[in-house]
Amino acid sequence: MIHEDIQDFAAALPARAALSGLDLGDKTVGVAVSDRLLSVATPLETVKRKKFTADAERLLAIFAAREIGGVILGLPRNMDGSEGPRCQSTRAFARNLSRLWDGPIGFWDERLSTVAAERALLEADTSRAKRAEVIDHVAASVILQGALDRLRHLRSEAT
């Protein structure tokens, strides 16, 4: 099921299940995963996009292998907060994925996530070639970490 609100997403999560964060691009999907305590996002891999069926097959294999209980998709809003064609594409991807996978799917504003990932890689003195290879799944981890931090804040408010 697709959840627009992070609180609804949090309520739908199974206990002690890891999350996956996805950074959807035209040519690639960056994939990150969390631990079961929902505290740390780790970059995992970049999936080269082909057709939705092939992309989904790879993602579903990752979800099964990692026992993923929920998915956060980066929502590429414009800098003014409005939604353009890339957001529509992300929402369509979420609808298609929800037909194949039963877990909760949520969105996280991904504005500047690639900038943050690039900055982190530069600070780590990563070569230009290596940055190009890993930027998408590092951006996915930035997206996922933002959502994890918000989920942790929601849990602390509830107690």
N, C-alpha and C. Protein backbone atom coordinates (compact mmCIF):
# COMPACT_ATOMS: atom_id res chain seq x y z
N MET A 1 0.83 -1.18 0.00
CA MET A 1 0.00 0.00 0.00
C MET A 1 0.88 1.24 0.00
N ILE A 2 0.46 2.26 -0.71
CA ILE A 2 1.21 3.52 -0.82
C ILE A 2 0.70 4.50 0.23
N HIS A 3 1.65 5.11 0.94
CA HIS A 3 1.34 6.07 2.00
C HIS A 3 1.95 7.41 1.67
N GLU A 4 1.12 8.43 1.59
CA GLU A 4 1.61 9.79 1.32
C GLU A 4 2.25 10.40 2.56
N ASP A 5 1.74 10.03 3.74
CA ASP A 5 2.18 10.61 4.99
C ASP A 5 3.13 9.66 5.71
N ILE A 6 4.24 10.17 6.22
CA ILE A 6 5.24 9.33 6.88
C ILE A 6 4.67 8.69 8.15
N GLN A 7 3.71 9.35 8.81
CA GLN A 7 3.10 8.77 10.01
C GLN A 7 2.26 7.54 9.65
N ASP A 8 1.53 7.63 8.55
CA ASP A 8 0.75 6.47 8.08
C ASP A 8 1.69 5.33 7.67
N PHE A 9 2.78 5.70 7.01
CA PHE A 9 3.79 4.71 6.61
C PHE A 9 4.33 4.01 7.85
N ALA A 10 4.68 4.79 8.88
CA ALA A 10 5.24 4.24 10.12
C ALA A 10 4.26 3.26 10.77
N ALA A 11 2.97 3.61 10.77
CA ALA A 11 1.96 2.76 11.39
C ALA A 11 1.80 1.44 10.64
N ALA A 12 2.10 1.43 9.35
CA ALA A 12 1.93 0.23 8.52
C ALA A 12 3.14 -0.70 8.54
N LEU A 13 4.25 -0.24 9.12
CA LEU A 13 5.48 -1.05 9.10
C LEU A 13 5.38 -2.26 10.01
N PRO A 14 5.84 -3.41 9.52
CA PRO A 14 5.92 -4.57 10.41
C PRO A 14 7.05 -4.35 11.44
N ALA A 15 6.91 -4.97 12.59
CA ALA A 15 7.92 -4.84 13.64
C ALA A 15 9.24 -5.49 13.21
N ARG A 16 10.33 -4.84 13.57
CA ARG A 16 11.68 -5.38 13.36
C ARG A 16 12.00 -5.75 11.91
N ALA A 17 11.44 -4.99 10.99
CA ALA A 17 11.75 -5.22 9.58
C ALA A 17 12.62 -4.08 9.07
N ALA A 18 13.56 -4.40 8.23
CA ALA A 18 14.43 -3.39 7.61
C ALA A 18 13.65 -2.63 6.54
N LEU A 19 14.17 -1.47 6.17
CA LEU A 19 13.59 -0.67 5.09
C LEU A 19 14.58 -0.59 3.94
N SER A 20 14.05 -0.29 2.76
CA SER A 20 14.89 -0.01 1.61
C SER A 20 14.56 1.39 1.13
N GLY A 21 15.57 2.11 0.72
CA GLY A 21 15.39 3.43 0.12
C GLY A 21 15.78 3.35 -1.35
N LEU A 22 14.98 3.98 -2.21
CA LEU A 22 15.24 3.94 -3.64
C LEU A 22 15.37 5.36 -4.19
N ASP A 23 16.41 5.58 -4.97
CA ASP A 23 16.61 6.83 -5.69
C ASP A 23 16.41 6.51 -7.17
N LEU A 24 15.23 6.85 -7.70
CA LEU A 24 14.89 6.52 -9.08
C LEU A 24 15.45 7.56 -10.04
N GLY A 25 16.21 7.07 -11.00
CA GLY A 25 16.68 7.92 -12.07
C GLY A 25 16.19 7.38 -13.40
N ASP A 26 16.48 8.08 -14.46
CA ASP A 26 16.07 7.62 -15.79
C ASP A 26 16.82 6.35 -16.20
N LYS A 27 18.08 6.26 -15.81
CA LYS A 27 18.91 5.14 -16.24
C LYS A 27 19.25 4.14 -15.14
N THR A 28 19.10 4.56 -13.88
CA THR A 28 19.49 3.71 -12.76
C THR A 28 18.50 3.85 -11.60
N VAL A 29 18.56 2.87 -10.69
CA VAL A 29 17.85 2.95 -9.42
C VAL A 29 18.90 2.71 -8.33
N GLY A 30 19.14 3.73 -7.52
CA GLY A 30 20.02 3.56 -6.38
C GLY A 30 19.26 2.87 -5.27
N VAL A 31 19.91 1.88 -4.63
CA VAL A 31 19.25 1.10 -3.59
C VAL A 31 20.07 1.19 -2.30
N ALA A 32 19.38 1.49 -1.21
CA ALA A 32 20.00 1.48 0.12
C ALA A 32 19.10 0.65 1.03
N VAL A 33 19.68 0.16 2.12
CA VAL A 33 18.91 -0.64 3.08
C VAL A 33 19.22 -0.16 4.49
N SER A 34 18.30 -0.43 5.40
CA SER A 34 18.52 -0.09 6.80
C SER A 34 18.75 -1.36 7.60
N ASP A 35 19.15 -1.17 8.83
CA ASP A 35 19.19 -2.28 9.79
C ASP A 35 17.77 -2.49 10.32
N ARG A 36 17.58 -3.56 11.08
CA ARG A 36 16.25 -3.87 11.60
C ARG A 36 15.80 -2.92 12.71
N LEU A 37 16.73 -2.19 13.30
CA LEU A 37 16.38 -1.21 14.33
C LEU A 37 15.99 0.14 13.73
N LEU A 38 16.08 0.23 12.41
CA LEU A 38 15.74 1.45 11.67
C LEU A 38 16.56 2.65 12.13
N SER A 39 17.86 2.41 12.30
CA SER A 39 18.72 3.51 12.74
C SER A 39 19.73 3.96 11.69
N VAL A 40 20.23 3.05 10.86
CA VAL A 40 21.29 3.40 9.92
C VAL A 40 20.96 2.93 8.51
N ALA A 41 21.13 3.85 7.55
CA ALA A 41 20.96 3.53 6.13
C ALA A 41 22.33 3.22 5.54
N THR A 42 22.39 2.16 4.75
CA THR A 42 23.64 1.74 4.11
C THR A 42 23.43 1.64 2.60
N PRO A 43 24.30 2.28 1.81
CA PRO A 43 24.20 2.13 0.35
C PRO A 43 24.41 0.67 -0.03
N LEU A 44 23.62 0.15 -0.96
CA LEU A 44 23.73 -1.25 -1.33
C LEU A 44 24.21 -1.45 -2.76
N GLU A 45 23.43 -0.98 -3.73
CA GLU A 45 23.83 -1.17 -5.12
C GLU A 45 23.06 -0.21 -6.01
N THR A 46 23.51 -0.14 -7.26
CA THR A 46 22.82 0.61 -8.29
C THR A 46 22.34 -0.37 -9.33
N VAL A 47 21.03 -0.34 -9.58
CA VAL A 47 20.42 -1.23 -10.57
C VAL A 47 20.31 -0.45 -11.88
N LYS A 48 20.88 -0.99 -12.94
CA LYS A 48 20.75 -0.37 -14.26
C LYS A 48 19.33 -0.62 -14.76
N ARG A 49 18.63 0.45 -15.10
CA ARG A 49 17.23 0.32 -15.53
C ARG A 49 17.14 -0.26 -16.93
N LYS A 50 16.15 -1.14 -17.08
CA LYS A 50 15.84 -1.73 -18.37
C LYS A 50 14.36 -1.46 -18.62
N LYS A 51 13.53 -2.45 -18.35
CA LYS A 51 12.09 -2.27 -18.36
C LYS A 51 11.61 -2.43 -16.93
N PHE A 52 10.40 -1.93 -16.63
CA PHE A 52 9.91 -2.01 -15.27
C PHE A 52 9.93 -3.44 -14.75
N THR A 53 9.51 -4.40 -15.57
CA THR A 53 9.45 -5.79 -15.13
C THR A 53 10.81 -6.29 -14.66
N ALA A 54 11.85 -6.01 -15.43
CA ALA A 54 13.20 -6.45 -15.06
C ALA A 54 13.70 -5.69 -13.83
N ASP A 55 13.42 -4.39 -13.78
CA ASP A 55 13.83 -3.58 -12.63
C ASP A 55 13.15 -4.10 -11.35
N ALA A 56 11.84 -4.33 -11.45
CA ALA A 56 11.08 -4.81 -10.29
C ALA A 56 11.55 -6.19 -9.86
N GLU A 57 11.87 -7.04 -10.80
CA GLU A 57 12.35 -8.38 -10.47
C GLU A 57 13.61 -8.30 -9.61
N ARG A 58 14.54 -7.42 -10.00
CA ARG A 58 15.78 -7.26 -9.22
C ARG A 58 15.47 -6.68 -7.84
N LEU A 59 14.62 -5.66 -7.79
CA LEU A 59 14.29 -5.04 -6.51
C LEU A 59 13.58 -6.02 -5.59
N LEU A 60 12.65 -6.79 -6.12
CA LEU A 60 11.94 -7.77 -5.30
C LEU A 60 12.89 -8.84 -4.76
N ALA A 61 13.90 -9.20 -5.54
CA ALA A 61 14.91 -10.16 -5.07
C ALA A 61 15.70 -9.56 -3.90
N ILE A 62 16.03 -8.28 -4.01
CA ILE A 62 16.73 -7.60 -2.90
C ILE A 62 15.83 -7.56 -1.67
N PHE A 63 14.55 -7.18 -1.86
CA PHE A 63 13.62 -7.09 -0.73
C PHE A 63 13.50 -8.44 -0.02
N ALA A 64 13.42 -9.51 -0.80
CA ALA A 64 13.29 -10.85 -0.20
C ALA A 64 14.57 -11.24 0.54
N ALA A 65 15.72 -11.04 -0.10
CA ALA A 65 16.99 -11.44 0.50
C ALA A 65 17.28 -10.65 1.78
N ARG A 66 16.90 -9.39 1.81
CA ARG A 66 17.18 -8.52 2.96
C ARG A 66 16.02 -8.43 3.94
N GLU A 67 14.94 -9.19 3.66
CA GLU A 67 13.74 -9.17 4.51
C GLU A 67 13.25 -7.74 4.74
N ILE A 68 13.06 -7.03 3.63
CA ILE A 68 12.63 -5.64 3.67
C ILE A 68 11.14 -5.57 3.99
N GLY A 69 10.79 -4.72 4.95
CA GLY A 69 9.40 -4.59 5.38
C GLY A 69 8.71 -3.34 4.86
N GLY A 70 9.47 -2.41 4.30
CA GLY A 70 8.91 -1.17 3.77
C GLY A 70 9.89 -0.51 2.84
N VAL A 71 9.37 0.30 1.93
CA VAL A 71 10.20 0.97 0.92
C VAL A 71 9.93 2.47 0.94
N ILE A 72 11.00 3.24 0.93
CA ILE A 72 10.92 4.69 0.82
C ILE A 72 11.45 5.07 -0.56
N LEU A 73 10.63 5.78 -1.32
CA LEU A 73 11.04 6.29 -2.63
C LEU A 73 11.36 7.77 -2.51
N GLY A 74 12.50 8.16 -3.05
CA GLY A 74 12.81 9.59 -3.09
C GLY A 74 11.84 10.28 -4.04
N LEU A 75 11.19 11.34 -3.57
CA LEU A 75 10.25 12.09 -4.39
C LEU A 75 10.94 13.38 -4.85
N PRO A 76 11.24 13.46 -6.14
CA PRO A 76 12.04 14.58 -6.66
C PRO A 76 11.24 15.85 -6.90
N ARG A 77 10.85 16.51 -5.81
CA ARG A 77 10.11 17.76 -5.93
C ARG A 77 11.00 18.85 -6.52
N ASN A 78 10.36 19.84 -7.10
CA ASN A 78 11.08 21.03 -7.55
C ASN A 78 11.52 21.82 -6.33
N MET A 79 12.47 22.72 -6.50
CA MET A 79 12.99 23.48 -5.36
C MET A 79 11.91 24.31 -4.68
N ASP A 80 10.85 24.68 -5.41
CA ASP A 80 9.76 25.44 -4.80
C ASP A 80 8.72 24.54 -4.13
N GLY A 81 8.97 23.22 -4.12
CA GLY A 81 8.07 22.27 -3.47
C GLY A 81 7.01 21.69 -4.38
N SER A 82 6.89 22.23 -5.58
CA SER A 82 5.88 21.71 -6.52
C SER A 82 6.35 20.38 -7.10
N GLU A 83 5.40 19.68 -7.72
CA GLU A 83 5.72 18.39 -8.33
C GLU A 83 5.66 18.50 -9.85
N GLY A 84 6.69 17.99 -10.49
CA GLY A 84 6.75 18.01 -11.94
C GLY A 84 6.68 16.60 -12.51
N PRO A 85 7.12 16.44 -13.75
CA PRO A 85 7.05 15.14 -14.43
C PRO A 85 7.83 14.03 -13.72
N ARG A 86 8.94 14.36 -13.09
CA ARG A 86 9.73 13.32 -12.40
C ARG A 86 8.97 12.77 -11.19
N CYS A 87 8.22 13.63 -10.50
CA CYS A 87 7.38 13.15 -9.38
C CYS A 87 6.28 12.24 -9.91
N GLN A 88 5.67 12.61 -11.03
CA GLN A 88 4.63 11.77 -11.63
C GLN A 88 5.20 10.40 -11.98
N SER A 89 6.41 10.38 -12.51
CA SER A 89 7.07 9.12 -12.87
C SER A 89 7.34 8.27 -11.62
N THR A 90 7.77 8.91 -10.55
CA THR A 90 8.03 8.20 -9.29
C THR A 90 6.74 7.63 -8.72
N ARG A 91 5.67 8.40 -8.77
CA ARG A 91 4.39 7.92 -8.26
C ARG A 91 3.87 6.75 -9.11
N ALA A 92 4.09 6.81 -10.41
CA ALA A 92 3.69 5.70 -11.30
C ALA A 92 4.49 4.45 -10.96
N PHE A 93 5.79 4.62 -10.70
CA PHE A 93 6.64 3.50 -10.31
C PHE A 93 6.10 2.88 -9.01
N ALA A 94 5.73 3.73 -8.05
CA ALA A 94 5.18 3.24 -6.77
C ALA A 94 3.90 2.44 -7.00
N ARG A 95 3.01 2.95 -7.85
CA ARG A 95 1.76 2.22 -8.14
C ARG A 95 2.06 0.86 -8.76
N ASN A 96 2.97 0.83 -9.72
CA ASN A 96 3.33 -0.44 -10.36
C ASN A 96 3.98 -1.40 -9.38
N LEU A 97 4.87 -0.90 -8.53
CA LEU A 97 5.53 -1.74 -7.53
C LEU A 97 4.52 -2.29 -6.52
N SER A 98 3.54 -1.47 -6.15
CA SER A 98 2.55 -1.91 -5.16
C SER A 98 1.68 -3.05 -5.69
N ARG A 99 1.62 -3.22 -6.99
CA ARG A 99 0.87 -4.34 -7.57
C ARG A 99 1.63 -5.65 -7.43
N LEU A 100 2.95 -5.55 -7.24
CA LEU A 100 3.80 -6.74 -7.17
C LEU A 100 4.29 -7.05 -5.76
N TRP A 101 4.21 -6.07 -4.86
CA TRP A 101 4.79 -6.21 -3.52
C TRP A 101 3.80 -5.67 -2.51
N ASP A 102 3.58 -6.40 -1.42
CA ASP A 102 2.53 -6.06 -0.46
C ASP A 102 2.94 -5.08 0.63
N GLY A 103 4.23 -4.83 0.78
CA GLY A 103 4.68 -3.98 1.88
C GLY A 103 4.32 -2.52 1.69
N PRO A 104 4.42 -1.74 2.78
CA PRO A 104 4.14 -0.31 2.69
C PRO A 104 5.19 0.43 1.87
N ILE A 105 4.74 1.38 1.08
CA ILE A 105 5.61 2.21 0.25
C ILE A 105 5.34 3.66 0.64
N GLY A 106 6.40 4.38 0.94
CA GLY A 106 6.27 5.79 1.31
C GLY A 106 7.19 6.65 0.46
N PHE A 107 7.03 7.95 0.61
CA PHE A 107 7.84 8.91 -0.15
C PHE A 107 8.63 9.78 0.81
N TRP A 108 9.79 10.23 0.34
CA TRP A 108 10.60 11.17 1.10
C TRP A 108 11.12 12.23 0.14
N ASP A 109 10.98 13.48 0.53
CA ASP A 109 11.44 14.60 -0.30
C ASP A 109 12.94 14.45 -0.52
N GLU A 110 13.33 14.29 -1.76
CA GLU A 110 14.74 14.03 -2.03
C GLU A 110 15.50 15.25 -2.51
N ARG A 111 14.92 16.43 -2.40
CA ARG A 111 15.64 17.62 -2.86
C ARG A 111 17.02 17.68 -2.22
N LEU A 112 18.01 17.87 -3.04
CA LEU A 112 19.42 18.01 -2.64
C LEU A 112 20.07 16.73 -2.12
N SER A 113 19.40 15.59 -2.24
CA SER A 113 20.01 14.34 -1.76
C SER A 113 21.25 13.98 -2.58
N THR A 114 21.21 14.21 -3.88
CA THR A 114 22.38 13.91 -4.70
C THR A 114 23.52 14.87 -4.37
N VAL A 115 23.19 16.12 -4.07
CA VAL A 115 24.20 17.10 -3.67
C VAL A 115 24.86 16.64 -2.36
N ALA A 116 24.06 16.19 -1.40
CA ALA A 116 24.60 15.71 -0.12
C ALA A 116 25.47 14.47 -0.34
N ALA A 117 25.03 13.58 -1.22
CA ALA A 117 25.81 12.37 -1.50
C ALA A 117 27.14 12.73 -2.16
N GLU A 118 27.09 13.65 -3.10
CA GLU A 118 28.31 14.10 -3.79
C GLU A 118 29.28 14.72 -2.79
N ARG A 119 28.76 15.53 -1.90
CA ARG A 119 29.60 16.19 -0.89
C ARG A 119 30.26 15.14 0.01
N ALA A 120 29.50 14.14 0.44
CA ALA A 120 30.04 13.09 1.30
C ALA A 120 31.15 12.32 0.57
N LEU A 121 30.93 12.04 -0.70
CA LEU A 121 31.92 11.30 -1.47
C LEU A 121 33.18 12.14 -1.70
N LEU A 122 33.01 13.44 -1.90
CA LEU A 122 34.18 14.33 -2.06
C LEU A 122 34.96 14.40 -0.75
N GLU A 123 34.24 14.48 0.37
CA GLU A 123 34.92 14.52 1.68
C GLU A 123 35.67 13.23 1.95
N ALA A 124 35.19 12.13 1.38
CA ALA A 124 35.86 10.84 1.54
C ALA A 124 36.97 10.67 0.50
N ASP A 125 37.22 11.73 -0.27
CA ASP A 125 38.28 11.73 -1.29
C ASP A 125 38.08 10.61 -2.32
N THR A 126 36.83 10.43 -2.73
CA THR A 126 36.50 9.40 -3.71
C THR A 126 36.81 9.93 -5.11
N SER A 127 37.43 9.10 -5.93
CA SER A 127 37.79 9.52 -7.28
C SER A 127 36.54 9.81 -8.10
N ARG A 128 36.69 10.62 -9.15
CA ARG A 128 35.56 10.98 -10.01
C ARG A 128 34.90 9.74 -10.60
N ALA A 129 35.70 8.78 -11.06
CA ALA A 129 35.15 7.56 -11.66
C ALA A 129 34.37 6.75 -10.63
N LYS A 130 34.90 6.63 -9.43
CA LYS A 130 34.22 5.89 -8.37
C LYS A 130 32.94 6.61 -7.94
N ARG A 131 32.99 7.96 -7.87
CA ARG A 131 31.79 8.73 -7.51
C ARG A 131 30.67 8.45 -8.50
N ALA A 132 30.98 8.45 -9.79
CA ALA A 132 29.96 8.21 -10.82
C ALA A 132 29.35 6.82 -10.65
N GLU A 133 30.16 5.89 -10.21
CA GLU A 133 29.71 4.50 -10.04
C GLU A 133 28.79 4.31 -8.84
N VAL A 134 29.00 5.09 -7.77
CA VAL A 134 28.28 4.85 -6.51
C VAL A 134 27.29 5.95 -6.13
N ILE A 135 27.26 7.06 -6.88
CA ILE A 135 26.46 8.22 -6.46
C ILE A 135 24.99 7.87 -6.25
N ASP A 136 24.42 7.02 -7.10
CA ASP A 136 22.98 6.74 -7.00
C ASP A 136 22.62 5.98 -5.74
N HIS A 137 23.41 4.96 -5.36
CA HIS A 137 23.05 4.25 -4.14
C HIS A 137 23.47 5.01 -2.88
N VAL A 138 24.44 5.90 -2.99
CA VAL A 138 24.75 6.77 -1.86
C VAL A 138 23.61 7.79 -1.69
N ALA A 139 23.09 8.32 -2.79
CA ALA A 139 21.93 9.23 -2.71
C ALA A 139 20.73 8.50 -2.11
N ALA A 140 20.53 7.23 -2.46
CA ALA A 140 19.44 6.44 -1.87
C ALA A 140 19.61 6.33 -0.36
N SER A 141 20.85 6.21 0.10
CA SER A 141 21.08 6.11 1.55
C SER A 141 20.81 7.45 2.24
N VAL A 142 21.08 8.56 1.55
CA VAL A 142 20.77 9.88 2.11
C VAL A 142 19.25 10.03 2.26
N ILE A 143 18.52 9.61 1.23
CA ILE A 143 17.05 9.64 1.26
C ILE A 143 16.53 8.77 2.41
N LEU A 144 17.02 7.54 2.46
CA LEU A 144 16.56 6.60 3.49
C LEU A 144 16.92 7.10 4.89
N GLN A 145 18.12 7.65 5.07
CA GLN A 145 18.52 8.13 6.39
C GLN A 145 17.62 9.26 6.86
N GLY A 146 17.23 10.15 5.94
CA GLY A 146 16.29 11.22 6.30
C GLY A 146 14.98 10.66 6.82
N ALA A 147 14.46 9.65 6.13
CA ALA A 147 13.20 9.01 6.56
C ALA A 147 13.39 8.29 7.90
N LEU A 148 14.52 7.60 8.07
CA LEU A 148 14.78 6.90 9.33
C LEU A 148 14.85 7.88 10.50
N ASP A 149 15.50 9.01 10.28
CA ASP A 149 15.59 10.02 11.34
C ASP A 149 14.20 10.54 11.71
N ARG A 150 13.36 10.75 10.71
CA ARG A 150 11.99 11.20 10.98
C ARG A 150 11.19 10.13 11.72
N LEU A 151 11.33 8.88 11.30
CA LEU A 151 10.64 7.78 11.98
C LEU A 151 11.08 7.67 13.45
N ARG A 152 12.37 7.84 13.69
CA ARG A 152 12.89 7.79 15.07
C ARG A 152 12.28 8.93 15.90
N HIS A 153 12.17 10.11 15.29
CA HIS A 153 11.56 11.26 15.97
C HIS A 153 10.09 10.99 16.29
N LEU A 154 9.37 10.37 15.35
CA LEU A 154 7.97 10.03 15.58
C LEU A 154 7.82 9.04 16.73
N ARG A 155 8.73 8.05 16.78
CA ARG A 155 8.68 7.06 17.87
C ARG A 155 8.94 7.72 19.20
N SER A 156 9.89 8.66 19.26
CA SER A 156 10.22 9.31 20.53
C SER A 156 9.07 10.20 20.98
N GLU A 157 8.32 10.80 20.04
CA GLU A 157 7.16 11.62 20.38
C GLU A 157 6.05 10.75 20.98
N ALA A 158 5.95 9.49 20.49
CA ALA A 158 4.88 8.61 20.93
C ALA A 158 5.11 8.09 22.35
N THR A 159 6.36 8.13 22.82
CA THR A 159 6.64 7.58 24.16
C THR A 159 6.68 8.65 25.21
